[in-house]
Protein backbone atom coordinates (compact mmCIF):
# COMPACT_ATOMS: atom_id res chain seq x y z
CA MET A 1 97.76 136.85 71.10
CA PHE A 2 99.27 139.05 73.57
CA GLY A 3 99.04 142.31 71.97
CA GLY A 4 101.43 145.00 71.65
CA GLY A 5 104.57 144.70 73.58
CA MET A 6 103.86 141.18 74.91
CA PRO A 7 105.40 138.18 74.46
CA GLU A 8 103.63 135.89 71.95
CA LEU A 9 103.13 132.29 71.93
CA PRO A 10 103.00 130.27 68.53
CA ALA A 11 99.39 129.47 67.59
CA GLU A 12 99.76 125.93 67.63
CA ASN A 13 100.92 126.27 71.21
CA TYR A 14 97.27 126.97 72.32
CA PRO A 15 95.72 124.34 74.14
CA ASN A 16 92.68 124.27 72.16
CA LYS A 17 94.65 123.69 69.22
CA ARG A 18 95.67 120.35 69.86
CA ASN A 19 95.57 117.15 72.07
CA ILE A 20 97.82 117.62 75.29
CA PRO A 21 97.99 114.11 77.30
CA ARG A 22 98.09 114.53 80.80
CA MET A 23 101.85 114.23 82.11
CA ASP A 24 101.98 111.91 84.81
CA PHE A 25 105.78 112.43 85.24
CA LEU A 26 105.06 115.81 86.67
CA VAL A 27 102.69 114.36 89.48
CA LEU A 28 105.53 111.76 89.86
CA PHE A 29 108.06 115.05 90.16
CA LEU A 30 105.92 116.49 92.64
CA PHE A 31 105.74 113.34 94.78
CA TYR A 32 109.68 113.06 94.53
CA LEU A 33 110.16 116.56 95.74
CA ALA A 34 107.94 115.95 98.72
CA PHE A 35 109.44 112.77 99.50
CA MET A 36 112.98 114.53 99.54
CA LEU A 37 111.86 117.04 101.75
CA ILE A 38 110.23 114.68 104.05
CA GLY A 39 113.37 112.65 104.10
CA VAL A 40 115.58 115.56 104.98
CA VAL A 41 113.61 116.95 107.83
CA THR A 42 113.31 113.11 109.17
CA ILE A 43 116.74 112.86 109.15
CA CYS A 44 117.51 115.78 110.97
CA ILE A 45 115.05 115.10 113.38
CA CYS A 46 116.02 111.45 114.23
CA SER A 47 120.02 111.78 113.40
CA LYS A 48 120.33 112.03 117.24
CA THR A 49 118.54 109.03 118.51
CA HIS A 50 120.23 105.71 119.01
CA CYS A 51 117.48 103.95 116.65
CA PHE A 52 118.58 105.76 113.73
CA LYS A 53 122.38 105.40 114.31
CA GLY A 54 121.52 101.22 114.54
CA LEU A 55 119.66 101.46 111.38
CA VAL A 56 122.48 103.20 109.67
CA ARG A 57 125.34 101.09 111.06
CA ARG A 58 123.32 98.14 109.57
CA GLY A 59 122.43 99.58 106.40
CA ALA A 60 126.12 100.27 106.29
CA GLN A 61 127.07 96.59 106.78
CA ILE A 62 124.54 95.48 104.30
CA ILE A 63 126.02 97.49 101.71
CA SER A 64 129.44 96.39 102.59
CA TYR A 65 128.84 92.79 101.28
CA ILE A 66 127.12 94.10 97.90
CA ILE A 67 130.04 96.76 97.05
CA PRO A 68 133.66 95.51 96.22
CA GLU A 69 136.22 96.58 98.83
CA CYS A 70 138.36 98.38 96.41
CA LEU A 71 135.12 100.46 95.42
CA ARG A 72 134.20 101.05 99.36
CA ARG A 73 137.82 102.10 99.91
CA ALA A 74 137.72 104.80 97.09
CA MET A 75 134.50 106.07 98.58
CA LEU A 76 135.95 106.36 101.93
CA ARG A 77 138.65 108.37 100.78
CA LEU A 78 136.56 110.47 98.50
CA LEU A 79 134.18 110.98 101.70
CA HIS A 80 137.18 111.78 103.93
CA TYR A 81 138.51 114.31 101.54
CA LEU A 82 135.13 116.03 101.18
CA PHE A 83 134.11 116.33 104.63
CA HIS A 84 137.23 115.58 106.92
CA THR A 85 139.84 117.66 105.30
CA ARG A 86 139.77 121.50 104.17
CA ASN A 87 139.30 121.70 100.26
CA HIS A 88 137.31 124.23 97.84
CA THR A 89 135.31 121.79 96.49
CA PHE A 90 131.91 122.61 98.00
CA VAL A 91 132.89 126.51 97.48
CA ILE A 92 133.35 125.72 93.89
CA LEU A 93 130.23 124.07 93.45
CA HIS A 94 128.32 126.52 95.32
CA LEU A 95 129.45 129.16 92.93
CA ILE A 96 128.84 127.02 89.89
CA LEU A 97 125.20 126.37 91.45
CA GLN A 98 124.61 130.06 91.91
CA GLY A 99 126.06 130.81 88.39
CA MET A 100 123.70 128.49 86.83
CA VAL A 101 120.78 129.89 88.64
CA TYR A 102 121.45 133.56 87.46
CA THR A 103 122.46 132.72 84.09
CA GLU A 104 118.91 131.04 83.46
CA TYR A 105 117.45 134.13 85.18
CA THR A 106 119.03 136.32 82.88
CA TRP A 107 118.74 134.42 79.59
CA GLU A 108 115.10 133.75 79.66
CA ILE A 109 113.12 135.07 82.74
CA PHE A 110 114.78 138.96 82.87
CA GLY A 111 113.98 139.38 78.94
CA LEU A 112 110.41 137.92 78.94
CA CYS A 113 109.73 139.90 82.00
CA GLN A 114 110.99 143.18 80.39
CA GLU A 115 108.47 142.28 77.27
CA LEU A 116 105.60 142.35 79.98
CA GLU A 117 106.83 145.66 81.35
CA PHE A 118 107.98 144.56 84.65
CA SER A 119 109.68 147.05 86.99
CA LEU A 120 113.44 147.21 86.58
CA ASN A 121 113.63 147.79 90.08
CA TYR A 122 112.14 144.59 90.81
CA LEU A 123 113.93 142.64 88.15
CA PHE A 124 117.14 143.96 89.37
CA LEU A 125 116.59 143.17 93.32
CA PRO A 126 118.06 139.61 92.78
CA TYR A 127 121.43 140.97 91.03
CA LEU A 128 121.74 143.24 94.15
CA LEU A 129 121.16 140.62 96.71
CA LEU A 130 123.81 138.72 94.84
CA ILE A 131 126.28 141.13 95.39
CA VAL A 132 125.59 141.41 98.93
CA ASN A 133 125.63 137.81 99.34
CA LEU A 134 128.96 137.34 97.40
CA PHE A 135 130.36 139.82 99.92
CA PHE A 136 129.30 137.81 102.90
CA PHE A 137 130.23 134.76 101.33
CA ALA A 138 133.88 135.90 101.13
CA LEU A 139 134.04 137.30 104.40
CA SER A 140 132.80 134.02 106.11
CA CYS A 141 135.39 131.91 103.71
CA GLU A 142 138.36 134.33 104.95
CA THR A 143 137.73 135.77 108.29
CA ASN A 144 139.41 134.08 111.22
CA PRO A 145 136.54 132.51 113.30
CA GLY A 146 138.26 132.76 116.55
CA THR A 147 141.24 130.51 116.40
CA ILE A 148 142.91 129.80 120.02
CA THR A 149 146.71 130.32 120.09
CA LYS A 150 149.47 130.51 122.83
CA ALA A 151 149.17 134.23 122.56
CA ASN A 152 145.52 134.66 123.00
CA GLU A 153 144.93 131.77 125.23
CA LEU A 154 144.42 133.55 128.59
CA LEU A 155 142.43 136.25 127.10
CA PHE A 156 139.75 133.76 125.64
CA LEU A 157 139.89 132.25 129.14
CA GLN A 158 138.23 135.20 130.63
CA VAL A 159 135.56 135.61 128.25
CA TYR A 160 133.12 133.04 129.38
CA GLU A 161 132.61 131.27 132.81
CA PHE A 162 132.54 127.64 133.01
CA ASP A 163 129.58 125.92 133.85
CA GLU A 164 131.08 122.60 135.14
CA GLY A 165 128.65 120.73 133.12
CA MET A 166 129.35 120.93 129.22
CA PHE A 167 132.35 123.22 129.88
CA PRO A 168 134.43 122.10 133.18
CA LYS A 169 137.65 123.91 134.19
CA ASN A 170 141.29 123.18 133.68
CA VAL A 171 140.64 120.89 130.37
CA ARG A 172 143.22 121.06 128.09
CA CYS A 173 142.90 120.34 124.17
CA SER A 174 144.83 116.89 123.73
CA THR A 175 145.75 118.09 120.16
CA CYS A 176 146.48 121.74 120.51
CA ASP A 177 147.68 121.37 124.07
CA LEU A 178 146.04 124.77 125.13
CA ARG A 179 143.77 125.24 127.96
CA LYS A 180 140.21 125.09 126.36
CA PRO A 181 138.25 128.16 127.22
CA ALA A 182 134.38 127.83 127.81
CA ARG A 183 132.30 127.33 124.73
CA SER A 184 135.38 126.13 122.93
CA LYS A 185 136.10 123.11 120.65
CA HIS A 186 138.52 122.00 118.59
CA CYS A 187 137.77 121.35 114.62
CA SER A 188 139.36 118.00 113.61
CA VAL A 189 138.71 119.39 109.90
CA CYS A 190 140.65 122.72 110.36
CA ASN A 191 143.15 121.09 113.10
CA ARG A 192 142.57 124.19 115.59
CA CYS A 193 140.60 125.07 118.64
CA VAL A 194 138.04 127.73 118.11
CA HIS A 195 136.55 130.34 120.28
CA ARG A 196 132.69 129.89 120.73
CA PHE A 197 132.61 127.04 118.08
CA ASP A 198 129.40 126.64 116.36
CA HIS A 199 130.28 124.48 113.55
CA HIS A 200 132.37 123.75 110.30
CA CYS A 201 130.62 124.46 107.01
CA VAL A 202 132.10 122.99 103.91
CA TRP A 203 130.44 125.54 101.96
CA VAL A 204 132.54 128.20 103.08
CA ASN A 205 135.44 125.95 103.73
CA ASN A 206 135.88 127.33 107.30
CA CYS A 207 134.95 127.05 110.89
CA ILE A 208 131.93 129.22 111.96
CA GLY A 209 132.95 130.72 115.34
CA ALA A 210 132.94 134.01 117.32
CA TRP A 211 134.55 136.34 114.97
CA ASN A 212 132.81 135.31 111.58
CA ILE A 213 129.15 133.97 112.99
CA ARG A 214 127.57 137.61 112.03
CA TYR A 215 129.05 137.17 108.48
CA PHE A 216 127.47 133.75 108.10
CA LEU A 217 124.15 134.84 109.60
CA PHE A 218 124.12 137.74 106.78
CA TYR A 219 125.40 135.20 104.28
CA LEU A 220 122.42 132.85 104.83
CA LEU A 221 119.60 135.83 105.11
CA THR A 222 120.85 137.00 101.68
CA LEU A 223 121.05 133.88 100.39
CA THR A 224 117.75 132.88 101.41
CA ALA A 225 116.23 136.49 100.16
CA SER A 226 117.95 136.04 96.68
CA ALA A 227 116.35 132.45 96.22
CA ALA A 228 112.90 133.83 97.51
CA THR A 229 112.97 136.90 95.37
CA MET A 230 113.68 135.00 92.41
CA ALA A 231 110.75 132.31 93.40
CA VAL A 232 108.44 135.31 93.37
CA VAL A 233 109.71 137.07 90.00
CA SER A 234 109.32 133.74 88.41
CA THR A 235 105.82 133.02 90.00
CA VAL A 236 104.58 136.45 89.18
CA PHE A 237 106.03 136.16 85.51
CA LEU A 238 104.26 132.93 84.77
CA VAL A 239 100.84 134.04 86.38
CA GLN A 240 101.11 137.34 84.47
CA LEU A 241 101.82 135.21 81.14
CA VAL A 242 98.77 132.86 82.09
CA MET A 243 96.61 136.00 82.58
CA VAL A 244 97.45 138.09 79.54
CA SER A 245 96.88 135.28 77.25
CA ASP A 246 93.74 134.03 78.77
CA LEU A 247 95.35 130.70 78.88
CA HIS A 248 93.00 129.90 81.77
CA LEU A 249 89.66 130.43 79.91
CA GLU A 250 90.99 128.25 77.16
CA THR A 251 89.42 124.66 76.21
CA TYR A 252 91.60 121.49 75.61
CA ILE A 253 90.62 117.79 74.29
CA ASN A 254 91.05 115.18 77.08
CA ASP A 255 92.49 111.61 76.60
CA PHE A 256 88.68 110.55 75.83
CA GLY A 257 88.08 113.35 73.06
CA HIS A 258 86.00 115.57 75.54
CA LEU A 259 86.32 119.24 75.24
CA GLN A 260 87.20 120.05 78.85
CA VAL A 261 87.99 123.55 80.53
CA VAL A 262 91.70 124.17 81.40
CA ASP A 263 92.39 123.76 85.16
CA THR A 264 95.15 124.62 87.50
CA VAL A 265 96.94 121.48 87.38
CA PHE A 266 96.65 121.62 83.08
CA VAL A 267 98.11 125.00 83.25
CA VAL A 268 100.90 123.74 85.32
CA GLN A 269 101.46 120.85 83.22
CA TYR A 270 101.27 123.41 80.13
CA LEU A 271 103.70 125.87 81.42
CA PHE A 272 106.04 122.76 82.16
CA LEU A 273 106.01 122.01 78.50
CA THR A 274 106.19 125.39 77.20
CA PHE A 275 108.70 126.63 79.84
CA PRO A 276 110.53 123.71 81.25
CA ARG A 277 113.76 125.46 82.46
CA ILE A 278 111.82 128.38 84.15
CA VAL A 279 109.12 125.98 85.62
CA PHE A 280 112.12 123.78 86.95
CA LEU A 281 114.06 126.69 88.12
CA LEU A 282 111.10 127.98 89.83
CA GLY A 283 110.75 124.57 91.71
CA PHE A 284 114.34 124.52 92.74
CA VAL A 285 114.54 127.89 94.20
CA VAL A 286 111.25 127.37 95.76
CA VAL A 287 112.70 123.99 97.80
CA LEU A 288 115.96 126.07 98.15
CA SER A 289 114.19 128.99 100.08
CA PHE A 290 112.08 126.52 102.36
CA LEU A 291 115.42 124.72 103.19
CA LEU A 292 117.71 127.87 103.84
CA GLY A 293 114.69 129.52 105.60
CA SER A 294 114.30 126.72 107.96
CA TYR A 295 117.92 126.92 108.55
CA LEU A 296 117.97 130.75 108.85
CA CYS A 297 115.17 130.34 111.51
CA PHE A 298 117.00 127.60 113.40
CA CYS A 299 120.35 129.90 113.53
CA LEU A 300 118.36 133.01 114.51
CA TYR A 301 116.95 130.89 117.23
CA LEU A 302 120.39 129.96 118.39
CA ALA A 303 121.41 133.40 118.05
CA ALA A 304 118.73 134.73 120.14
CA THR A 305 118.90 132.21 123.11
CA ASN A 306 122.69 132.50 122.92
CA GLN A 307 123.96 129.11 121.82
CA THR A 308 126.00 127.51 119.34
CA THR A 309 125.10 124.50 117.10
CA HIS A 310 127.53 122.40 119.13
CA GLU A 311 126.16 123.36 122.32
CA TRP A 312 122.34 122.66 121.04
CA TYR A 313 123.27 119.31 119.87
CA ARG A 314 125.18 118.44 122.80
CA GLY A 315 122.27 119.85 124.99
CA ALA A 316 119.65 117.61 123.12
CA ARG A 317 122.02 114.66 123.56
CA ALA A 318 121.70 115.40 127.53
CA TRP A 319 117.83 116.06 127.18
CA CYS A 320 117.73 112.18 125.40
CA GLN A 321 119.29 110.84 128.60
CA HIS A 322 116.19 111.59 130.16
CA CYS A 323 114.13 109.53 127.81
CA PRO A 324 112.35 106.67 129.58
CA HIS A 325 112.26 104.78 126.47
CA VAL A 326 116.16 104.94 126.38
CA ALA A 327 117.94 102.37 128.56
CA TRP A 328 121.20 103.71 130.11
CA PRO A 329 124.10 102.06 132.25
CA PRO A 330 122.91 102.62 136.06
CA SER A 331 126.72 104.55 136.76
CA ALA A 332 125.42 107.01 133.84
CA GLU A 333 124.34 110.01 135.80
CA PRO A 334 122.20 112.00 133.22
CA GLN A 335 123.39 115.61 133.23
CA VAL A 336 120.50 118.62 132.90
CA TYR A 337 122.14 121.08 130.42
CA ARG A 338 121.37 124.91 131.67
CA ASN A 339 122.23 127.38 129.32
CA ILE A 340 124.06 130.17 131.70
CA HIS A 341 125.39 132.41 128.76
CA SER A 342 121.87 133.98 127.91
CA ARG A 343 121.66 137.67 129.00
CA GLY A 344 118.36 138.34 127.38
CA LEU A 345 117.60 139.02 123.57
CA TRP A 346 119.64 142.35 122.72
CA SER A 347 122.61 141.32 124.74
CA ASN A 348 122.87 137.92 123.09
CA LEU A 349 122.54 139.84 119.46
CA ARG A 350 125.07 142.29 120.79
CA GLU A 351 127.41 139.51 121.43
CA ILE A 352 126.82 138.06 117.94
CA PHE A 353 127.17 140.96 115.90
CA LEU A 354 129.87 142.97 118.34
CA PRO A 355 132.01 140.44 119.89
CA ALA A 356 134.17 141.89 122.71
CA VAL A 357 137.57 139.91 122.16
CA ALA A 358 137.29 140.52 118.59
CA HIS A 359 137.22 144.46 119.21
CA TYR A 360 139.84 144.03 121.72
CA GLU A 361 142.17 142.48 119.09
CA ARG A 362 141.79 145.05 116.43
CA LYS A 363 142.64 147.66 118.93
CA LYS A 364 145.64 145.49 119.97
CA LYS A 365 146.59 145.45 116.45
């Protein structure tokens, strides 16, 4: 029993009242999560190596012999639609996932935390972060990333100097027929050239460029903070529940019929049986916090060093050309990428959050 004002578990749910077998599937689930995390990190690191690309090509060839041609064509059309055309599929998926997480938080965790007399300021923090996150999400989706047109072409050509390596002078875009300013790139998904192109994000259905990168960083920051806050609230709730119920002091009958003191693994398994949706939500937001936090740190590193994702990727490829284990043709002279646009931490951040061309365009309007 928890006492007055506390949520009460049914008497038959106490571990010393019944024999609960060990849940091997929970261990397998944890191994599955670890395997997925390691797989994602490995793919991110190895995706730029020729060995990995060769494995992907061979794997695709093997799959092509197994899957019927009509099904392969349908899959290719679907993948092309999802990742190579502008559509709102991932925007809708993003909002659905966010809605499901907050519905579960409101339906179960919020009410139970109130019974445990949690501070309302603490419980309303995820909702505040949600409002701020949706605001910057909308700005990331709708703000012009810095589209280069005939009208502003000359203006963009004066912003950054050409390095004669990654961004040579007097190069025209074969699609837009415009002179390409330094640090610009043509996006095949949006079919436009973007100033200070970073990447195309399917989650906001927009390019990330000079004029909306600051909104994207705030969106990523608030999304990470909301996931981490929800993970903290859920963890504190479960720990508080264990403490006030003295669950960690109970005993249970193991598979061999012996009386055994409850350990940490058993407590986790018991909570998984008693509150499966809350524990599953906790696992989801913890993994999400780790992935989003890692990507946020990478984006902040790029902002602090005045690089874009596109430039970092091309610079990494140029660095790989010096790898002694990679054979390059004699005519291919490896080029060393040198970042000539970094002007120090504060100047780099000011360029991100106060882009000069966007300010000039607003004054002109």
